[in-house]
PDB file of all heavy atoms in Angstrom:
ATOM      1  N   PHE A   1       0.849  -1.183   0.007  1.00  0.00           N
ATOM      2  CA  PHE A   1      -0.007   0.011  -0.021  1.00  0.00           C
ATOM      3  C   PHE A   1       0.892   1.266   0.019  1.00  0.00           C
ATOM      4  O   PHE A   1       0.580   2.224  -0.689  1.00  0.00           O
ATOM      5  CB  PHE A   1      -0.955  -0.010   1.214  1.00  0.00           C
ATOM      6  CG  PHE A   1      -2.017  -1.115   1.174  1.00  0.00           C
ATOM      7  CD1 PHE A   1      -2.026  -2.083   2.152  1.00  0.00           C
ATOM      8  CD2 PHE A   1      -2.857  -1.253   0.065  1.00  0.00           C
ATOM      9  CE1 PHE A   1      -2.955  -3.100   2.127  1.00  0.00           C
ATOM     10  CE2 PHE A   1      -3.776  -2.280   0.059  1.00  0.00           C
ATOM     11  CZ  PHE A   1      -3.854  -3.242   1.041  1.00  0.00           C
ATOM     12  N   LEU A   2       1.960   1.273   0.740  1.00  0.00           N
ATOM     13  CA  LEU A   2       2.877   2.391   0.803  1.00  0.00           C
ATOM     14  C   LEU A   2       3.491   2.632  -0.614  1.00  0.00           C
ATOM     15  O   LEU A   2       3.599   3.781  -1.019  1.00  0.00           O
ATOM     16  CB  LEU A   2       3.981   2.155   1.810  1.00  0.00           C
ATOM     17  CG  LEU A   2       3.579   2.047   3.243  1.00  0.00           C
ATOM     18  CD1 LEU A   2       4.798   1.800   4.222  1.00  0.00           C
ATOM     19  CD2 LEU A   2       2.766   3.327   3.789  1.00  0.00           C
ATOM     20  N   GLU A   3       3.778   1.553  -1.355  1.00  0.00           N
ATOM     21  CA  GLU A   3       4.281   1.681  -2.755  1.00  0.00           C
ATOM     22  C   GLU A   3       3.158   2.348  -3.645  1.00  0.00           C
ATOM     23  O   GLU A   3       3.540   3.131  -4.512  1.00  0.00           O
ATOM     24  CB  GLU A   3       4.618   0.323  -3.317  1.00  0.00           C
ATOM     25  CG  GLU A   3       5.821  -0.398  -2.661  1.00  0.00           C
ATOM     26  CD  GLU A   3       7.152   0.171  -3.177  1.00  0.00           C
ATOM     27  OE1 GLU A   3       7.133   1.044  -4.056  1.00  0.00           O
ATOM     28  OE2 GLU A   3       8.182  -0.277  -2.638  1.00  0.00           O
ATOM     29  N   LYS A   4       1.950   1.994  -3.347  1.00  0.00           N
ATOM     30  CA  LYS A   4       0.881   2.573  -4.218  1.00  0.00           C
ATOM     31  C   LYS A   4       0.769   4.067  -3.932  1.00  0.00           C
ATOM     32  O   LYS A   4       0.532   4.869  -4.821  1.00  0.00           O
ATOM     33  CB  LYS A   4      -0.495   1.904  -3.905  1.00  0.00           C
ATOM     34  CG  LYS A   4      -0.533   0.421  -4.297  1.00  0.00           C
ATOM     35  CD  LYS A   4      -0.439   0.257  -5.776  1.00  0.00           C
ATOM     36  CE  LYS A   4      -0.336  -1.173  -6.247  1.00  0.00           C
ATOM     37  NZ  LYS A   4      -0.145  -1.318  -7.667  1.00  0.00           N
ATOM     38  N   PHE A   5       0.846   4.441  -2.578  1.00  0.00           N
ATOM     39  CA  PHE A   5       0.809   5.859  -2.278  1.00  0.00           C
ATOM     40  C   PHE A   5       1.955   6.635  -2.903  1.00  0.00           C
ATOM     41  O   PHE A   5       1.828   7.738  -3.500  1.00  0.00           O
ATOM     42  CB  PHE A   5       0.895   6.099  -0.787  1.00  0.00           C
ATOM     43  CG  PHE A   5      -0.141   5.394   0.059  1.00  0.00           C
ATOM     44  CD1 PHE A   5       0.052   5.127   1.392  1.00  0.00           C
ATOM     45  CD2 PHE A   5      -1.361   4.987  -0.479  1.00  0.00           C
ATOM     46  CE1 PHE A   5      -0.892   4.437   2.126  1.00  0.00           C
ATOM     47  CE2 PHE A   5      -2.326   4.334   0.245  1.00  0.00           C
ATOM     48  CZ  PHE A   5      -2.066   4.048   1.584  1.00  0.00           C
ATOM     49  N   LYS A   6       3.152   5.918  -2.975  1.00  0.00           N
ATOM     50  CA  LYS A   6       4.380   6.530  -3.592  1.00  0.00           C
ATOM     51  C   LYS A   6       4.187   6.709  -5.082  1.00  0.00           C
ATOM     52  O   LYS A   6       4.579   7.687  -5.643  1.00  0.00           O
ATOM     53  CB  LYS A   6       5.522   5.580  -3.297  1.00  0.00           C
ATOM     54  CG  LYS A   6       6.927   6.244  -3.660  1.00  0.00           C
ATOM     55  CD  LYS A   6       8.037   5.289  -3.269  1.00  0.00           C
ATOM     56  CE  LYS A   6       9.337   6.019  -3.629  1.00  0.00           C
ATOM     57  NZ  LYS A   6      10.543   5.153  -3.302  1.00  0.00           N
ATOM     58  N   ASN A   7       3.494   5.691  -5.768  1.00  0.00           N
ATOM     59  CA  ASN A   7       3.205   5.841  -7.166  1.00  0.00           C
ATOM     60  C   ASN A   7       2.443   7.136  -7.503  1.00  0.00           C
ATOM     61  O   ASN A   7       2.732   7.833  -8.417  1.00  0.00           O
ATOM     62  CB  ASN A   7       2.321   4.643  -7.688  1.00  0.00           C
ATOM     63  CG  ASN A   7       3.143   3.359  -7.743  1.00  0.00           C
ATOM     64  OD1 ASN A   7       4.436   3.401  -7.545  1.00  0.00           O
ATOM     65  ND2 ASN A   7       2.491   2.296  -7.935  1.00  0.00           N
ATOM     66  N   ILE A   8       1.490   7.387  -6.599  1.00  0.00           N
ATOM     67  CA  ILE A   8       0.626   8.614  -6.777  1.00  0.00           C
ATOM     68  C   ILE A   8       1.471   9.863  -6.617  1.00  0.00           C
ATOM     69  O   ILE A   8       1.528  10.783  -7.413  1.00  0.00           O
ATOM     70  CB  ILE A   8      -0.517   8.596  -5.793  1.00  0.00           C
ATOM     71  CG1 ILE A   8      -1.507   7.494  -6.077  1.00  0.00           C
ATOM     72  CG2 ILE A   8      -1.308   9.975  -5.829  1.00  0.00           C
ATOM     73  CD1 ILE A   8      -2.581   7.241  -5.012  1.00  0.00           C
ATOM     74  N   VAL A   9       2.239   9.885  -5.573  1.00  0.00           N
ATOM     75  CA  VAL A   9       3.091  11.078  -5.166  1.00  0.00           C
ATOM     76  C   VAL A   9       4.132  11.295  -6.328  1.00  0.00           C
ATOM     77  O   VAL A   9       4.323  12.503  -6.765  1.00  0.00           O
ATOM     78  CB  VAL A   9       3.745  10.916  -3.808  1.00  0.00           C
ATOM     79  CG1 VAL A   9       4.799  12.026  -3.634  1.00  0.00           C
ATOM     80  CG2 VAL A   9       2.762  10.973  -2.702  1.00  0.00           C
ATOM     81  N   GLU A  10       4.706  10.248  -6.814  1.00  0.00           N
ATOM     82  CA  GLU A  10       5.787  10.381  -7.848  1.00  0.00           C
ATOM     83  C   GLU A  10       5.153  10.922  -9.132  1.00  0.00           C
ATOM     84  O   GLU A  10       5.814  11.622  -9.907  1.00  0.00           O
ATOM     85  CB  GLU A  10       6.553   9.090  -8.044  1.00  0.00           C
ATOM     86  CG  GLU A  10       7.476   8.806  -6.861  1.00  0.00           C
ATOM     87  CD  GLU A  10       8.329   7.548  -7.089  1.00  0.00           C
ATOM     88  OE1 GLU A  10       7.948   6.736  -7.953  1.00  0.00           O
ATOM     89  OE2 GLU A  10       9.343   7.473  -6.459  1.00  0.00           O
ATOM     90  N   PHE A  11       3.909  10.465  -9.403  1.00  0.00           N
ATOM     91  CA  PHE A  11       3.295  10.909 -10.628  1.00  0.00           C
ATOM     92  C   PHE A  11       2.912  12.415 -10.617  1.00  0.00           C
ATOM     93  O   PHE A  11       2.764  13.059 -11.572  1.00  0.00           O
ATOM     94  CB  PHE A  11       2.114  10.011 -11.071  1.00  0.00           C
ATOM     95  CG  PHE A  11       1.812  10.113 -12.501  1.00  0.00           C
ATOM     96  CD1 PHE A  11       2.642   9.457 -13.422  1.00  0.00           C
ATOM     97  CD2 PHE A  11       0.759  10.826 -13.020  1.00  0.00           C
ATOM     98  CE1 PHE A  11       2.419   9.542 -14.793  1.00  0.00           C
ATOM     99  CE2 PHE A  11       0.512  10.947 -14.370  1.00  0.00           C
ATOM    100  CZ  PHE A  11       1.323  10.280 -15.230  1.00  0.00           C
ATOM    101  N   GLU A  12       2.666  12.910  -9.391  1.00  0.00           N
ATOM    102  CA  GLU A  12       2.437  14.384  -9.178  1.00  0.00           C
ATOM    103  C   GLU A  12       3.523  15.164  -9.793  1.00  0.00           C
ATOM    104  O   GLU A  12       3.277  16.169 -10.482  1.00  0.00           O
ATOM    105  CB  GLU A  12       2.328  14.726  -7.721  1.00  0.00           C
ATOM    106  CG  GLU A  12       1.069  14.147  -6.973  1.00  0.00           C
ATOM    107  CD  GLU A  12       1.243  14.399  -5.449  1.00  0.00           C
ATOM    108  OE1 GLU A  12       2.094  15.153  -5.009  1.00  0.00           O
ATOM    109  OE2 GLU A  12       0.451  13.808  -4.691  1.00  0.00           O
ATOM    110  N   ARG A  13       4.759  14.715  -9.624  1.00  0.00           N
ATOM    111  CA  ARG A  13       5.905  15.428 -10.120  1.00  0.00           C
ATOM    112  C   ARG A  13       5.958  15.370 -11.665  1.00  0.00           C
ATOM    113  O   ARG A  13       6.375  16.314 -12.334  1.00  0.00           O
ATOM    114  CB  ARG A  13       7.207  14.826  -9.565  1.00  0.00           C
ATOM    115  CG  ARG A  13       7.351  15.134  -8.049  1.00  0.00           C
ATOM    116  CD  ARG A  13       8.618  14.467  -7.481  1.00  0.00           C
ATOM    117  NE  ARG A  13       8.492  14.466  -6.029  1.00  0.00           N
ATOM    118  CZ  ARG A  13       8.800  13.426  -5.228  1.00  0.00           C
ATOM    119  NH1 ARG A  13       9.305  12.305  -5.730  1.00  0.00           N
ATOM    120  NH2 ARG A  13       8.624  13.452  -3.929  1.00  0.00           N
ATOM    121  N   VAL A  14       5.543  14.172 -12.220  1.00  0.00           N
ATOM    122  CA  VAL A  14       5.515  14.048 -13.733  1.00  0.00           C
ATOM    123  C   VAL A  14       4.535  15.007 -14.263  1.00  0.00           C
ATOM    124  O   VAL A  14       4.737  15.715 -15.271  1.00  0.00           O
ATOM    125  CB  VAL A  14       5.136  12.617 -14.080  1.00  0.00           C
ATOM    126  CG1 VAL A  14       4.985  12.436 -15.594  1.00  0.00           C
ATOM    127  CG2 VAL A  14       6.155  11.622 -13.532  1.00  0.00           C
ATOM    128  N   VAL A  15       3.345  15.120 -13.655  1.00  0.00           N
ATOM    129  CA  VAL A  15       2.248  16.004 -14.098  1.00  0.00           C
ATOM    130  C   VAL A  15       2.769  17.496 -14.029  1.00  0.00           C
ATOM    131  O   VAL A  15       2.612  18.261 -15.010  1.00  0.00           O
ATOM    132  CB  VAL A  15       1.004  15.843 -13.195  1.00  0.00           C
ATOM    133  CG1 VAL A  15      -0.077  16.861 -13.657  1.00  0.00           C
ATOM    134  CG2 VAL A  15       0.429  14.472 -13.460  1.00  0.00           C
ATOM    135  N   GLU A  16       3.375  17.808 -12.823  1.00  0.00           N
ATOM    136  CA  GLU A  16       3.776  19.214 -12.639  1.00  0.00           C
ATOM    137  C   GLU A  16       4.849  19.614 -13.667  1.00  0.00           C
ATOM    138  O   GLU A  16       4.870  20.766 -14.090  1.00  0.00           O
ATOM    139  CB  GLU A  16       4.374  19.308 -11.194  1.00  0.00           C
ATOM    140  CG  GLU A  16       4.320  20.695 -10.677  1.00  0.00           C
ATOM    141  CD  GLU A  16       4.666  20.756  -9.168  1.00  0.00           C
ATOM    142  OE1 GLU A  16       4.996  19.669  -8.626  1.00  0.00           O
ATOM    143  OE2 GLU A  16       4.561  21.869  -8.628  1.00  0.00           O
ATOM    144  N   ALA A  17       5.667  18.721 -14.071  1.00  0.00           N
ATOM    145  CA  ALA A  17       6.733  19.017 -14.995  1.00  0.00           C
ATOM    146  C   ALA A  17       6.350  19.095 -16.442  1.00  0.00           C
ATOM    147  O   ALA A  17       7.156  19.521 -17.318  1.00  0.00           O
ATOM    148  CB  ALA A  17       7.897  17.913 -14.879  1.00  0.00           C
ATOM    149  N   ALA A  18       5.101  18.756 -16.776  1.00  0.00           N
ATOM    150  CA  ALA A  18       4.670  18.704 -18.190  1.00  0.00           C
ATOM    151  C   ALA A  18       3.339  19.395 -18.314  1.00  0.00           C
ATOM    152  O   ALA A  18       2.356  18.757 -18.624  1.00  0.00           O
ATOM    153  CB  ALA A  18       4.610  17.231 -18.643  1.00  0.00           C
ATOM    154  N   PRO A  19       3.332  20.741 -18.157  1.00  0.00           N
ATOM    155  CA  PRO A  19       1.985  21.447 -18.198  1.00  0.00           C
ATOM    156  C   PRO A  19       1.397  21.278 -19.592  1.00  0.00           C
ATOM    157  O   PRO A  19       2.146  21.302 -20.639  1.00  0.00           O
ATOM    158  CB  PRO A  19       2.378  22.872 -17.890  1.00  0.00           C
ATOM    159  CG  PRO A  19       3.855  23.028 -17.768  1.00  0.00           C
ATOM    160  CD  PRO A  19       4.373  21.587 -17.762  1.00  0.00           C
ATOM    161  N   MET A  20       0.109  21.044 -19.619  1.00  0.00           N
ATOM    162  CA  MET A  20      -0.763  20.946 -20.806  1.00  0.00           C
ATOM    163  C   MET A  20      -0.389  19.830 -21.732  1.00  0.00           C
ATOM    164  O   MET A  20      -0.728  19.804 -22.869  1.00  0.00           O
ATOM    165  CB  MET A  20      -0.786  22.306 -21.598  1.00  0.00           C
ATOM    166  CG  MET A  20      -1.038  23.490 -20.715  1.00  0.00           C
ATOM    167  SD  MET A  20      -2.396  23.284 -19.497  1.00  0.00           S
ATOM    168  CE  MET A  20      -3.755  23.965 -20.445  1.00  0.00           C
ATOM    169  N   ASP A  21       0.385  18.827 -21.228  1.00  0.00           N
ATOM    170  CA  ASP A  21       0.796  17.649 -22.106  1.00  0.00           C
ATOM    171  C   ASP A  21      -0.345  16.672 -22.110  1.00  0.00           C
ATOM    172  O   ASP A  21      -0.735  16.139 -21.049  1.00  0.00           O
ATOM    173  CB  ASP A  21       2.074  17.021 -21.471  1.00  0.00           C
ATOM    174  CG  ASP A  21       2.589  15.873 -22.339  1.00  0.00           C
ATOM    175  OD1 ASP A  21       1.807  14.959 -22.718  1.00  0.00           O
ATOM    176  OD2 ASP A  21       3.788  15.792 -22.554  1.00  0.00           O
ATOM    177  N   ILE A  22      -0.860  16.374 -23.325  1.00  0.00           N
ATOM    178  CA  ILE A  22      -2.056  15.572 -23.445  1.00  0.00           C
ATOM    179  C   ILE A  22      -1.796  14.159 -22.983  1.00  0.00           C
ATOM    180  O   ILE A  22      -2.682  13.536 -22.315  1.00  0.00           O
ATOM    181  CB  ILE A  22      -2.683  15.654 -24.829  1.00  0.00           C
ATOM    182  CG1 ILE A  22      -3.048  17.124 -25.176  1.00  0.00           C
ATOM    183  CG2 ILE A  22      -3.885  14.789 -24.950  1.00  0.00           C
ATOM    184  CD1 ILE A  22      -3.921  17.822 -24.147  1.00  0.00           C
ATOM    185  N   GLU A  23      -0.701  13.545 -23.306  1.00  0.00           N
ATOM    186  CA  GLU A  23      -0.373  12.174 -22.912  1.00  0.00           C
ATOM    187  C   GLU A  23      -0.262  12.039 -21.446  1.00  0.00           C
ATOM    188  O   GLU A  23      -0.732  11.084 -20.813  1.00  0.00           O
ATOM    189  CB  GLU A  23       0.872  11.661 -23.655  1.00  0.00           C
ATOM    190  CG  GLU A  23       0.659  11.310 -25.112  1.00  0.00           C
ATOM    191  CD  GLU A  23      -0.611  10.489 -25.384  1.00  0.00           C
ATOM    192  OE1 GLU A  23      -0.814   9.419 -24.676  1.00  0.00           O
ATOM    193  OE2 GLU A  23      -1.468  10.888 -26.175  1.00  0.00           O
ATOM    194  N   VAL A  24       0.350  12.974 -20.810  1.00  0.00           N
ATOM    195  CA  VAL A  24       0.458  12.990 -19.331  1.00  0.00           C
ATOM    196  C   VAL A  24      -0.918  13.123 -18.669  1.00  0.00           C
ATOM    197  O   VAL A  24      -1.179  12.428 -17.765  1.00  0.00           O
ATOM    198  CB  VAL A  24       1.471  14.120 -18.852  1.00  0.00           C
ATOM    199  CG1 VAL A  24       1.376  14.321 -17.340  1.00  0.00           C
ATOM    200  CG2 VAL A  24       2.910  13.845 -19.257  1.00  0.00           C
ATOM    201  N   LEU A  25      -1.759  13.981 -19.302  1.00  0.00           N
ATOM    202  CA  LEU A  25      -3.092  14.129 -18.773  1.00  0.00           C
ATOM    203  C   LEU A  25      -3.914  12.845 -18.857  1.00  0.00           C
ATOM    204  O   LEU A  25      -4.547  12.440 -17.928  1.00  0.00           O
ATOM    205  CB  LEU A  25      -3.852  15.214 -19.668  1.00  0.00           C
ATOM    206  CG  LEU A  25      -5.306  15.442 -19.363  1.00  0.00           C
ATOM    207  CD1 LEU A  25      -5.598  15.831 -17.880  1.00  0.00           C
ATOM    208  CD2 LEU A  25      -5.936  16.471 -20.292  1.00  0.00           C
ATOM    209  N   ARG A  26      -3.685  12.147 -19.981  1.00  0.00           N
ATOM    210  CA  ARG A  26      -4.440  10.852 -20.213  1.00  0.00           C
ATOM    211  C   ARG A  26      -3.984   9.809 -19.091  1.00  0.00           C
ATOM    212  O   ARG A  26      -4.777   9.207 -18.518  1.00  0.00           O
ATOM    213  CB  ARG A  26      -4.083  10.290 -21.600  1.00  0.00           C
ATOM    214  CG  ARG A  26      -5.093   9.309 -22.062  1.00  0.00           C
ATOM    215  CD  ARG A  26      -4.927   9.028 -23.588  1.00  0.00           C
ATOM    216  NE  ARG A  26      -5.866   9.802 -24.327  1.00  0.00           N
ATOM    217  CZ  ARG A  26      -5.646  10.490 -25.441  1.00  0.00           C
ATOM    218  NH1 ARG A  26      -4.401  10.564 -25.862  1.00  0.00           N
ATOM    219  NH2 ARG A  26      -6.558  11.157 -26.095  1.00  0.00           N
ATOM    220  N   GLU A  27      -2.680   9.855 -18.844  1.00  0.00           N
ATOM    221  CA  GLU A  27      -2.097   8.887 -17.820  1.00  0.00           C
ATOM    222  C   GLU A  27      -2.564   9.236 -16.438  1.00  0.00           C
ATOM    223  O   GLU A  27      -2.909   8.444 -15.611  1.00  0.00           O
ATOM    224  CB  GLU A  27      -0.513   8.946 -17.956  1.00  0.00           C
ATOM    225  CG  GLU A  27       0.187   7.740 -17.334  1.00  0.00           C
ATOM    226  CD  GLU A  27      -0.383   6.342 -17.828  1.00  0.00           C
ATOM    227  OE1 GLU A  27      -0.604   6.147 -19.010  1.00  0.00           O
ATOM    228  OE2 GLU A  27      -0.626   5.531 -16.936  1.00  0.00           O
ATOM    229  N   ALA A  28      -2.623  10.584 -16.166  1.00  0.00           N
ATOM    230  CA  ALA A  28      -3.105  11.061 -14.896  1.00  0.00           C
ATOM    231  C   ALA A  28      -4.513  10.693 -14.611  1.00  0.00           C
ATOM    232  O   ALA A  28      -4.865  10.288 -13.467  1.00  0.00           O
ATOM    233  CB  ALA A  28      -2.897  12.572 -14.741  1.00  0.00           C
ATOM    234  N   LYS A  29      -5.377  10.787 -15.671  1.00  0.00           N
ATOM    235  CA  LYS A  29      -6.761  10.400 -15.482  1.00  0.00           C
ATOM    236  C   LYS A  29      -6.924   8.929 -15.239  1.00  0.00           C
ATOM    237  O   LYS A  29      -7.703   8.512 -14.432  1.00  0.00           O
ATOM    238  CB  LYS A  29      -7.573  10.843 -16.709  1.00  0.00           C
ATOM    239  CG  LYS A  29      -7.683  12.322 -16.964  1.00  0.00           C
ATOM    240  CD  LYS A  29      -8.159  13.130 -15.696  1.00  0.00           C
ATOM    241  CE  LYS A  29      -9.664  12.897 -15.379  1.00  0.00           C
ATOM    242  NZ  LYS A  29     -10.008  13.703 -14.163  1.00  0.00           N
ATOM    243  N   ARG A  30      -6.017   8.130 -15.932  1.00  0.00           N
ATOM    244  CA  ARG A  30      -6.105   6.687 -15.691  1.00  0.00           C
ATOM    245  C   ARG A  30      -5.702   6.376 -14.239  1.00  0.00           C
ATOM    246  O   ARG A  30      -6.157   5.395 -13.677  1.00  0.00           O
ATOM    247  CB  ARG A  30      -5.116   5.934 -16.680  1.00  0.00           C
ATOM    248  CG  ARG A  30      -5.706   5.798 -18.068  1.00  0.00           C
ATOM    249  CD  ARG A  30      -4.993   4.752 -18.863  1.00  0.00           C
ATOM    250  NE  ARG A  30      -5.069   3.411 -18.208  1.00  0.00           N
ATOM    251  CZ  ARG A  30      -4.503   2.315 -18.794  1.00  0.00           C
ATOM    252  NH1 ARG A  30      -3.743   2.410 -19.859  1.00  0.00           N
ATOM    253  NH2 ARG A  30      -4.632   1.158 -18.203  1.00  0.00           N
ATOM    254  N   MET A  31      -4.821   7.173 -13.698  1.00  0.00           N
ATOM    255  CA  MET A  31      -4.385   6.860 -12.277  1.00  0.00           C
ATOM    256  C   MET A  31      -5.422   7.452 -11.309  1.00  0.00           C
ATOM    257  O   MET A  31      -5.248   7.259 -10.074  1.00  0.00           O
ATOM    258  CB  MET A  31      -2.973   7.478 -12.013  1.00  0.00           C
ATOM    259  CG  MET A  31      -2.292   6.821 -10.855  1.00  0.00           C
ATOM    260  SD  MET A  31      -0.747   7.588 -10.496  1.00  0.00           S
ATOM    261  CE  MET A  31       0.343   6.261 -11.170  1.00  0.00           C
ATOM    262  N   GLY A  32      -6.439   8.179 -11.780  1.00  0.00           N
ATOM    263  CA  GLY A  32      -7.439   8.650 -10.857  1.00  0.00           C
ATOM    264  C   GLY A  32      -7.289  10.057 -10.410  1.00  0.00           C
ATOM    265  O   GLY A  32      -8.003  10.512  -9.494  1.00  0.00           O
ATOM    266  N   PHE A  33      -6.364  10.843 -10.994  1.00  0.00           N
ATOM    267  CA  PHE A  33      -6.236  12.245 -10.634  1.00  0.00           C
ATOM    268  C   PHE A  33      -7.471  13.019 -11.025  1.00  0.00           C
ATOM    269  O   PHE A  33      -8.081  12.758 -12.031  1.00  0.00           O
ATOM    270  CB  PHE A  33      -4.994  12.870 -11.345  1.00  0.00           C
ATOM    271  CG  PHE A  33      -3.689  12.513 -10.688  1.00  0.00           C
ATOM    272  CD1 PHE A  33      -3.313  11.254 -10.346  1.00  0.00           C
ATOM    273  CD2 PHE A  33      -2.779  13.543 -10.384  1.00  0.00           C
ATOM    274  CE1 PHE A  33      -2.084  10.917  -9.826  1.00  0.00           C
ATOM    275  CE2 PHE A  33      -1.511  13.266  -9.860  1.00  0.00           C
ATOM    276  CZ  PHE A  33      -1.188  11.976  -9.494  1.00  0.00           C
ATOM    277  N   SER A  34      -7.845  14.012 -10.262  1.00  0.00           N
ATOM    278  CA  SER A  34      -9.047  14.768 -10.590  1.00  0.00           C
ATOM    279  C   SER A  34      -8.607  15.933 -11.404  1.00  0.00           C
ATOM    280  O   SER A  34      -7.514  16.415 -11.333  1.00  0.00           O
ATOM    281  CB  SER A  34      -9.671  15.323  -9.285  1.00  0.00           C
ATOM    282  OG  SER A  34      -8.777  16.226  -8.568  1.00  0.00           O
ATOM    283  N   ASP A  35      -9.634  16.480 -12.195  1.00  0.00           N
ATOM    284  CA  ASP A  35      -9.338  17.692 -12.998  1.00  0.00           C
ATOM    285  C   ASP A  35      -8.919  18.826 -12.142  1.00  0.00           C
ATOM    286  O   ASP A  35      -8.016  19.612 -12.423  1.00  0.00           O
ATOM    287  CB  ASP A  35     -10.666  18.156 -13.742  1.00  0.00           C
ATOM    288  CG  ASP A  35     -10.931  17.248 -14.896  1.00  0.00           C
ATOM    289  OD1 ASP A  35     -10.200  16.307 -15.158  1.00  0.00           O
ATOM    290  OD2 ASP A  35     -12.017  17.480 -15.610  1.00  0.00           O
ATOM    291  N   LYS A  36      -9.545  18.919 -10.908  1.00  0.00           N
ATOM    292  CA  LYS A  36      -9.239  20.014  -9.999  1.00  0.00           C
ATOM    293  C   LYS A  36      -7.726  20.050  -9.611  1.00  0.00           C
ATOM    294  O   LYS A  36      -7.085  21.050  -9.558  1.00  0.00           O
ATOM    295  CB  LYS A  36     -10.090  19.860  -8.775  1.00  0.00           C
ATOM    296  CG  LYS A  36     -10.017  21.149  -7.867  1.00  0.00           C
ATOM    297  CD  LYS A  36     -11.028  20.971  -6.712  1.00  0.00           C
ATOM    298  CE  LYS A  36     -10.891  22.035  -5.681  1.00  0.00           C
ATOM    299  NZ  LYS A  36     -11.806  21.786  -4.530  1.00  0.00           N
ATOM    300  N   PHE A  37      -7.226  18.789  -9.213  1.00  0.00           N
ATOM    301  CA  PHE A  37      -5.850  18.708  -8.737  1.00  0.00           C
ATOM    302  C   PHE A  37      -4.885  18.962  -9.838  1.00  0.00           C
ATOM    303  O   PHE A  37      -3.812  19.629  -9.666  1.00  0.00           O
ATOM    304  CB  PHE A  37      -5.606  17.423  -8.064  1.00  0.00           C
ATOM    305  CG  PHE A  37      -4.226  17.319  -7.336  1.00  0.00           C
ATOM    306  CD1 PHE A  37      -4.034  17.942  -6.215  1.00  0.00           C
ATOM    307  CD2 PHE A  37      -3.195  16.560  -7.925  1.00  0.00           C
ATOM    308  CE1 PHE A  37      -2.802  17.919  -5.571  1.00  0.00           C
ATOM    309  CE2 PHE A  37      -2.025  16.512  -7.274  1.00  0.00           C
ATOM    310  CZ  PHE A  37      -1.745  17.233  -6.157  1.00  0.00           C
ATOM    311  N   ILE A  38      -5.162  18.375 -11.068  1.00  0.00           N
ATOM    312  CA  ILE A  38      -4.210  18.589 -12.209  1.00  0.00           C
ATOM    313  C   ILE A  38      -4.218  20.082 -12.510  1.00  0.00           C
ATOM    314  O   ILE A  38      -3.151  20.625 -12.779  1.00  0.00           O
ATOM    315  CB  ILE A  38      -4.712  17.770 -13.443  1.00  0.00           C
ATOM    316  CG1 ILE A  38      -4.708  16.275 -13.123  1.00  0.00           C
ATOM    317  CG2 ILE A  38      -3.786  17.975 -14.537  1.00  0.00           C
ATOM    318  CD1 ILE A  38      -5.351  15.382 -14.151  1.00  0.00           C
ATOM    319  N   GLY A  39      -5.374  20.679 -12.479  1.00  0.00           N
ATOM    320  CA  GLY A  39      -5.496  22.141 -12.722  1.00  0.00           C
ATOM    321  C   GLY A  39      -4.627  22.940 -11.746  1.00  0.00           C
ATOM    322  O   GLY A  39      -3.997  23.904 -12.149  1.00  0.00           O
ATOM    323  N   GLN A  40      -4.631  22.477 -10.440  1.00  0.00           N
ATOM    324  CA  GLN A  40      -3.839  23.208  -9.457  1.00  0.00           C
ATOM    325  C   GLN A  40      -2.432  23.058  -9.794  1.00  0.00           C
ATOM    326  O   GLN A  40      -1.599  24.078  -9.625  1.00  0.00           O
ATOM    327  CB  GLN A  40      -4.054  22.584  -8.060  1.00  0.00           C
ATOM    328  CG  GLN A  40      -5.423  23.005  -7.392  1.00  0.00           C
ATOM    329  CD  GLN A  40      -5.728  22.258  -6.119  1.00  0.00           C
ATOM    330  OE1 GLN A  40      -4.921  21.576  -5.598  1.00  0.00           O
ATOM    331  NE2 GLN A  40      -6.965  22.429  -5.686  1.00  0.00           N
ATOM    332  N   LEU A  41      -1.931  21.912 -10.246  1.00  0.00           N
ATOM    333  CA  LEU A  41      -0.516  21.726 -10.578  1.00  0.00           C
ATOM    334  C   LEU A  41      -0.155  22.555 -11.779  1.00  0.00           C
ATOM    335  O   LEU A  41       1.015  23.036 -11.954  1.00  0.00           O
ATOM    336  CB  LEU A  41      -0.247  20.238 -10.849  1.00  0.00           C
ATOM    337  CG  LEU A  41      -0.269  19.255  -9.662  1.00  0.00           C
ATOM    338  CD1 LEU A  41      -0.070  17.823 -10.094  1.00  0.00           C
ATOM    339  CD2 LEU A  41       0.688  19.663  -8.558  1.00  0.00           C
ATOM    340  N   TRP A  42      -1.098  22.787 -12.762  1.00  0.00           N
ATOM    341  CA  TRP A  42      -0.833  23.436 -13.987  1.00  0.00           C
ATOM    342  C   TRP A  42      -1.271  24.923 -13.922  1.00  0.00           C
ATOM    343  O   TRP A  42      -1.058  25.639 -14.942  1.00  0.00           O
ATOM    344  CB  TRP A  42      -1.535  22.709 -15.180  1.00  0.00           C
ATOM    345  CG  TRP A  42      -0.915  21.431 -15.501  1.00  0.00           C
ATOM    346  CD1 TRP A  42       0.314  20.872 -14.999  1.00  0.00           C
ATOM    347  CD2 TRP A  42      -1.350  20.514 -16.469  1.00  0.00           C
ATOM    348  NE1 TRP A  42       0.565  19.725 -15.573  1.00  0.00           N
ATOM    349  CE2 TRP A  42      -0.435  19.355 -16.465  1.00  0.00           C
ATOM    350  CE3 TRP A  42      -2.493  20.406 -17.327  1.00  0.00           C
ATOM    351  CZ2 TRP A  42      -0.575  18.244 -17.313  1.00  0.00           C
ATOM    352  CZ3 TRP A  42      -2.654  19.318 -18.189  1.00  0.00           C
ATOM    353  CH2 TRP A  42      -1.646  18.278 -18.170  1.00  0.00           C
TER     354      TRP A  42
END
């Protein structure tokens, strides 16, 4: 479970580093990220 939490946290950095990247957005949605949180990062 701790590894799963880590997967989420590590992907936050990927999202933050690639603003408006459609492929990253697709992957973030598959991982369950909300529009609101992705929007906050971008």
